[in-house]
N, C-alpha and C. Protein backbone atom coordinates (compact mmCIF):
# COMPACT_ATOMS: atom_id res chain seq x y z
N MET A 1 -46.24 -9.39 20.97
CA MET A 1 -46.99 -9.35 19.73
C MET A 1 -47.03 -7.91 19.36
N GLY A 2 -46.42 -7.59 18.16
CA GLY A 2 -46.57 -6.24 17.90
C GLY A 2 -47.74 -5.98 17.06
N VAL A 3 -48.20 -4.69 17.05
CA VAL A 3 -49.29 -4.18 16.25
C VAL A 3 -49.28 -4.46 15.15
N ARG A 4 -50.39 -4.70 14.53
CA ARG A 4 -50.13 -4.66 12.86
C ARG A 4 -50.83 -3.64 12.40
N ILE A 5 -50.50 -2.96 11.20
CA ILE A 5 -51.19 -1.66 10.83
C ILE A 5 -51.42 -2.00 9.30
N ILE A 6 -51.30 -3.38 8.91
CA ILE A 6 -51.90 -3.72 7.52
C ILE A 6 -52.82 -4.89 7.61
N HIS A 7 -53.69 -4.96 6.67
CA HIS A 7 -54.78 -5.79 7.23
C HIS A 7 -55.37 -6.30 5.63
N CYS A 8 -55.68 -7.68 5.78
CA CYS A 8 -56.28 -8.29 4.47
C CYS A 8 -57.58 -8.86 5.15
N HIS A 9 -58.44 -9.49 4.15
CA HIS A 9 -59.58 -9.86 4.93
C HIS A 9 -59.73 -10.69 6.29
N ALA A 10 -58.85 -11.47 6.37
CA ALA A 10 -59.02 -12.27 7.85
C ALA A 10 -57.78 -11.35 8.72
N GLY A 11 -56.90 -11.00 7.87
CA GLY A 11 -55.71 -10.32 8.78
C GLY A 11 -54.79 -11.02 9.28
N LYS A 12 -54.36 -12.43 8.32
CA LYS A 12 -53.36 -13.43 8.65
C LYS A 12 -52.59 -13.74 7.92
N ASP A 13 -52.96 -13.83 6.48
CA ASP A 13 -52.21 -14.22 5.38
C ASP A 13 -51.38 -13.43 4.95
N ARG A 14 -51.99 -12.40 4.12
CA ARG A 14 -51.09 -11.28 3.45
C ARG A 14 -50.61 -10.37 4.73
N THR A 15 -51.40 -10.17 5.44
CA THR A 15 -51.02 -9.33 6.59
C THR A 15 -49.82 -10.07 7.41
N GLY A 16 -49.94 -11.26 7.72
CA GLY A 16 -49.25 -12.12 8.50
C GLY A 16 -47.77 -12.18 7.57
N LEU A 17 -47.97 -12.34 6.67
CA LEU A 17 -46.58 -12.51 5.75
C LEU A 17 -45.68 -10.80 5.74
N ILE A 18 -46.49 -10.04 5.31
CA ILE A 18 -45.89 -8.50 5.65
C ILE A 18 -45.16 -8.18 6.54
N ALA A 19 -46.07 -8.72 7.95
CA ALA A 19 -45.69 -8.84 9.36
C ALA A 19 -44.15 -9.61 9.61
N ALA A 20 -44.44 -10.91 8.99
CA ALA A 20 -43.17 -11.63 9.15
C ALA A 20 -42.06 -10.96 8.47
N LEU A 21 -42.40 -10.60 7.02
CA LEU A 21 -41.20 -10.12 6.50
C LEU A 21 -40.33 -9.03 7.26
N CYS A 22 -41.31 -7.88 7.86
CA CYS A 22 -40.77 -7.02 8.74
C CYS A 22 -40.07 -7.57 9.86
N SER A 23 -40.67 -8.27 10.58
CA SER A 23 -39.96 -8.99 11.75
C SER A 23 -38.33 -9.47 11.26
N GLU A 24 -38.48 -10.29 10.10
CA GLU A 24 -37.03 -10.76 9.66
C GLU A 24 -36.47 -9.41 9.46
N LEU A 25 -36.78 -8.47 8.78
CA LEU A 25 -35.89 -7.29 8.26
C LEU A 25 -35.62 -6.66 9.92
N ALA A 26 -36.28 -6.78 10.43
CA ALA A 26 -35.82 -6.06 12.03
C ALA A 26 -34.85 -6.88 12.96
N GLY A 27 -34.61 -8.20 12.61
CA GLY A 27 -33.57 -9.09 13.06
C GLY A 27 -34.11 -9.89 14.00
N GLN A 28 -35.66 -10.08 14.24
CA GLN A 28 -36.09 -11.03 15.00
C GLN A 28 -35.34 -12.56 14.51
N THR A 29 -35.58 -13.36 15.55
CA THR A 29 -35.36 -14.73 15.29
C THR A 29 -36.26 -15.41 14.37
N ARG A 30 -36.41 -16.29 13.85
CA ARG A 30 -37.27 -17.04 13.17
C ARG A 30 -38.72 -17.77 14.14
N ASP A 31 -37.94 -18.03 15.00
CA ASP A 31 -38.78 -18.63 16.43
C ASP A 31 -39.56 -17.64 16.55
N HIS A 32 -39.23 -16.58 16.71
CA HIS A 32 -39.70 -15.22 17.11
C HIS A 32 -40.85 -14.89 16.31
N THR A 33 -40.66 -14.90 15.18
CA THR A 33 -41.52 -14.44 13.65
C THR A 33 -42.66 -15.46 13.78
N ALA A 34 -42.15 -16.82 13.77
CA ALA A 34 -43.15 -17.88 13.95
C ALA A 34 -44.38 -17.67 15.21
N ALA A 35 -44.06 -17.31 16.14
CA ALA A 35 -44.60 -17.56 17.26
C ALA A 35 -45.58 -16.06 17.19
N ASP A 36 -45.13 -15.22 16.83
CA ASP A 36 -45.80 -14.11 16.77
C ASP A 36 -46.95 -14.28 15.58
N ASP A 37 -46.77 -14.83 14.49
CA ASP A 37 -47.66 -14.80 13.36
C ASP A 37 -48.69 -16.05 14.10
N ALA A 38 -48.30 -17.21 15.06
CA ALA A 38 -49.30 -17.85 15.28
C ALA A 38 -50.02 -17.37 16.04
N ALA A 39 -49.74 -16.39 16.95
CA ALA A 39 -50.34 -15.48 17.93
C ALA A 39 -51.84 -14.90 17.74
N SER A 40 -51.77 -14.51 16.41
CA SER A 40 -52.88 -13.83 15.81
C SER A 40 -54.06 -15.16 15.56
N GLY A 41 -53.78 -16.68 15.58
CA GLY A 41 -55.03 -17.46 15.37
C GLY A 41 -56.10 -17.20 16.58
N PRO A 42 -55.83 -17.22 17.83
CA PRO A 42 -57.21 -16.89 18.49
C PRO A 42 -58.04 -15.88 18.50
N ALA A 43 -57.29 -14.82 17.80
CA ALA A 43 -58.11 -13.63 17.64
C ALA A 43 -59.09 -13.70 16.77
N LEU A 44 -58.76 -14.80 15.68
CA LEU A 44 -59.69 -15.07 14.21
C LEU A 44 -60.72 -16.15 14.44
N ARG A 45 -61.05 -16.60 15.91
CA ARG A 45 -62.07 -17.44 16.13
C ARG A 45 -63.42 -17.22 15.70
N ASP A 46 -63.62 -15.98 16.15
CA ASP A 46 -64.87 -15.57 15.48
C ASP A 46 -65.32 -15.26 14.54
N PHE A 47 -64.06 -14.64 13.69
CA PHE A 47 -64.15 -14.36 12.18
C PHE A 47 -64.58 -15.87 11.49
N TYR A 48 -63.60 -16.90 11.60
CA TYR A 48 -64.20 -17.87 11.15
C TYR A 48 -65.21 -18.68 11.60
N ARG A 49 -65.83 -18.65 12.82
CA ARG A 49 -67.06 -18.93 12.88
C ARG A 49 -68.24 -18.18 12.42
N ASP A 50 -67.80 -16.97 12.13
CA ASP A 50 -68.99 -16.29 11.19
C ASP A 50 -68.89 -16.61 9.60
N GLN A 51 -67.47 -16.75 9.34
CA GLN A 51 -67.47 -17.59 7.82
C GLN A 51 -68.03 -18.82 7.90
N GLN A 52 -67.90 -19.60 8.64
CA GLN A 52 -68.46 -20.90 8.56
C GLN A 52 -69.98 -20.88 8.57
N ALA A 53 -70.39 -20.01 9.45
CA ALA A 53 -71.89 -20.05 9.47
C ALA A 53 -72.50 -19.36 8.28
N ARG A 54 -71.79 -18.76 7.34
CA ARG A 54 -72.25 -17.98 6.26
C ARG A 54 -72.14 -19.04 4.93
N ARG A 55 -71.71 -20.01 5.01
CA ARG A 55 -71.30 -20.71 3.97
C ARG A 55 -72.25 -21.98 3.91
N THR A 56 -72.13 -22.81 2.98
CA THR A 56 -72.79 -24.10 2.77
C THR A 56 -71.58 -25.14 3.42
N PRO A 57 -71.85 -26.30 3.61
CA PRO A 57 -70.62 -27.16 4.13
C PRO A 57 -69.51 -27.52 2.91
N GLU A 58 -70.25 -27.33 2.03
CA GLU A 58 -69.19 -27.91 0.92
C GLU A 58 -68.32 -26.40 0.73
N GLN A 59 -68.92 -25.34 0.75
CA GLN A 59 -68.15 -24.15 0.68
C GLN A 59 -67.20 -23.87 1.64
N TRP A 60 -67.60 -24.54 2.98
CA TRP A 60 -66.70 -24.37 4.19
C TRP A 60 -65.77 -25.37 4.02
N ALA A 61 -65.88 -26.50 3.63
CA ALA A 61 -64.92 -27.53 3.25
C ALA A 61 -63.57 -27.26 2.33
N HIS A 62 -63.80 -26.06 1.35
CA HIS A 62 -63.03 -25.73 0.76
C HIS A 62 -61.87 -24.73 1.55
N LEU A 63 -62.67 -23.82 2.63
CA LEU A 63 -61.80 -22.60 3.20
C LEU A 63 -61.54 -23.26 4.66
N ALA A 64 -61.91 -24.50 4.96
CA ALA A 64 -61.38 -24.60 6.39
C ALA A 64 -59.94 -24.98 6.68
N PRO A 65 -59.27 -25.31 5.49
CA PRO A 65 -57.99 -25.72 5.84
C PRO A 65 -57.12 -24.30 5.81
N PHE A 66 -57.51 -22.98 5.39
CA PHE A 66 -57.00 -22.12 5.73
C PHE A 66 -57.43 -21.32 6.87
N ALA A 67 -58.11 -22.02 7.92
CA ALA A 67 -58.37 -21.41 8.91
C ALA A 67 -57.28 -21.33 10.05
N ALA A 68 -57.07 -22.13 10.35
CA ALA A 68 -55.71 -22.65 11.22
C ALA A 68 -54.56 -21.79 11.17
N THR A 69 -53.98 -21.10 11.99
CA THR A 69 -52.92 -20.53 11.92
C THR A 69 -51.57 -21.23 12.95
N ARG A 70 -51.05 -21.56 11.93
CA ARG A 70 -50.05 -22.54 12.37
C ARG A 70 -48.44 -21.77 12.23
N THR A 71 -47.27 -22.08 13.29
CA THR A 71 -46.23 -21.58 13.33
C THR A 71 -45.41 -22.38 12.10
N ASP A 72 -45.73 -23.47 11.66
CA ASP A 72 -45.05 -24.12 10.55
C ASP A 72 -45.14 -23.38 9.15
N ASP A 73 -46.48 -22.93 9.16
CA ASP A 73 -46.78 -22.48 7.96
C ASP A 73 -45.95 -21.13 7.49
N ILE A 74 -45.71 -20.06 8.51
CA ILE A 74 -44.95 -18.77 7.82
C ILE A 74 -43.39 -19.29 8.05
N ARG A 75 -43.16 -20.46 8.82
CA ARG A 75 -41.67 -20.83 8.52
C ARG A 75 -41.42 -21.37 7.30
N ARG A 76 -42.37 -22.22 6.84
CA ARG A 76 -42.09 -22.90 5.34
C ARG A 76 -42.01 -22.10 4.16
N THR A 77 -42.82 -20.51 4.54
CA THR A 77 -42.84 -19.35 3.43
C THR A 77 -41.26 -18.64 3.45
N LEU A 78 -40.83 -18.59 4.57
CA LEU A 78 -39.64 -17.83 5.07
C LEU A 78 -38.57 -18.71 4.66
N THR A 79 -38.40 -20.39 4.60
CA THR A 79 -37.70 -21.23 4.30
C THR A 79 -37.44 -21.08 2.60
N HIS A 80 -38.53 -21.07 2.27
CA HIS A 80 -38.74 -21.07 0.76
C HIS A 80 -38.15 -19.72 0.25
N ILE A 81 -38.32 -18.58 0.81
CA ILE A 81 -37.84 -17.32 0.48
C ILE A 81 -36.05 -17.83 0.44
N ASP A 82 -35.55 -18.39 1.58
CA ASP A 82 -34.21 -18.22 1.82
C ASP A 82 -33.84 -19.35 0.60
N GLN A 83 -34.59 -20.66 0.42
CA GLN A 83 -33.88 -21.40 -0.51
C GLN A 83 -33.90 -20.93 -1.89
N HIS A 84 -34.73 -20.24 -2.45
CA HIS A 84 -34.76 -19.81 -3.71
C HIS A 84 -34.34 -18.34 -3.87
N TRP A 85 -34.44 -17.53 -2.88
CA TRP A 85 -33.64 -16.20 -3.16
C TRP A 85 -32.49 -16.05 -2.33
N GLY A 86 -31.97 -17.02 -1.39
CA GLY A 86 -30.79 -16.86 -0.85
C GLY A 86 -31.02 -15.99 0.44
N GLN A 87 -31.84 -14.63 0.12
CA GLN A 87 -31.80 -13.78 1.17
C GLN A 87 -32.99 -12.85 0.99
N LEU A 88 -33.49 -12.62 2.34
CA LEU A 88 -34.65 -11.89 2.08
C LEU A 88 -34.56 -10.47 1.32
N ASP A 89 -33.63 -9.77 1.05
CA ASP A 89 -32.98 -8.57 0.43
C ASP A 89 -33.33 -8.78 -0.94
N ALA A 90 -32.68 -9.89 -1.31
CA ALA A 90 -32.85 -10.24 -3.04
C ALA A 90 -34.31 -10.74 -3.35
N TYR A 91 -35.16 -11.35 -2.56
CA TYR A 91 -36.59 -11.53 -2.89
C TYR A 91 -37.26 -10.27 -2.94
N LEU A 92 -36.99 -9.30 -1.88
CA LEU A 92 -37.87 -7.99 -1.86
C LEU A 92 -37.44 -7.14 -3.13
N ASN A 93 -35.80 -7.09 -3.39
CA ASN A 93 -35.43 -6.16 -4.40
C ASN A 93 -36.13 -6.57 -5.79
N ALA A 94 -35.87 -7.98 -6.11
CA ALA A 94 -36.83 -8.65 -7.22
C ALA A 94 -38.07 -8.52 -7.17
N HIS A 95 -38.96 -8.13 -6.29
CA HIS A 95 -40.52 -7.82 -6.10
C HIS A 95 -40.54 -6.32 -5.99
N GLY A 96 -39.84 -5.36 -6.27
CA GLY A 96 -39.96 -4.10 -6.53
C GLY A 96 -39.37 -3.21 -5.38
N LEU A 97 -38.80 -3.65 -4.41
CA LEU A 97 -38.36 -2.83 -3.19
C LEU A 97 -36.93 -2.34 -3.55
N PRO A 98 -36.64 -1.07 -3.63
CA PRO A 98 -35.26 -1.15 -4.32
C PRO A 98 -34.32 -0.77 -3.02
N GLY A 99 -32.86 -1.21 -3.29
CA GLY A 99 -32.32 -1.10 -1.89
C GLY A 99 -32.59 -0.31 -1.11
N SER A 100 -32.58 1.21 -1.65
CA SER A 100 -32.54 2.30 -0.71
C SER A 100 -33.77 2.33 0.06
N ASP A 101 -34.81 1.71 -0.37
CA ASP A 101 -35.80 1.91 0.37
C ASP A 101 -36.10 0.48 1.20
N LEU A 102 -35.22 -0.38 1.01
CA LEU A 102 -35.12 -1.65 1.87
C LEU A 102 -34.11 -1.19 2.93
N SER A 103 -33.07 -0.29 2.89
CA SER A 103 -32.16 0.29 3.98
C SER A 103 -32.83 1.01 4.64
N ALA A 104 -33.88 1.88 4.19
CA ALA A 104 -34.65 2.99 5.21
C ALA A 104 -35.98 2.13 5.79
N LEU A 105 -36.39 1.19 5.31
CA LEU A 105 -37.66 0.09 5.83
C LEU A 105 -36.72 -0.28 7.18
N ARG A 106 -35.37 -1.22 7.03
CA ARG A 106 -34.78 -1.61 7.88
C ARG A 106 -34.44 -0.89 9.18
N ASP A 107 -33.92 0.48 8.73
CA ASP A 107 -33.68 1.28 9.83
C ASP A 107 -34.74 1.83 10.51
N ARG A 108 -35.96 2.05 9.89
CA ARG A 108 -37.14 2.42 10.55
C ARG A 108 -37.60 1.15 11.60
N LEU A 109 -37.54 -0.12 10.85
CA LEU A 109 -37.66 -1.27 12.00
C LEU A 109 -36.82 -1.40 13.16
N THR A 110 -35.80 -0.93 12.84
CA THR A 110 -34.99 -1.25 14.23
C THR A 110 -34.52 -0.08 15.13
N ARG A 111 -35.27 0.90 14.72
CA ARG A 111 -35.02 2.28 15.33
C ARG A 111 -35.66 2.15 16.62
N THR A 112 -35.03 2.60 17.83
CA THR A 112 -35.97 2.53 18.99
C THR A 112 -36.20 3.74 19.81
């Protein structure tokens, strides 16, 4: 699993999506990307235990479905991008990442 240098509240949803997009740009397989995303789950146990302790049972019931980190979650997201945008580049271009920056990012991610 790579080091994640981006962060959101729990470090798995927005962070996981950006890491997965970068993994795809770097040419990793979808299986590798999904496994890497799911690997963050055990590291979040204490975080979610703390979140549950701070909330009423009703509040936790609303948040609990988001606590699990499953390989199928990121797969569904990436499949949605494939189905609706055709390819990752088109999705990223449409959301503000110009082709020149996309090429530079891909080169940076694949540089050894």
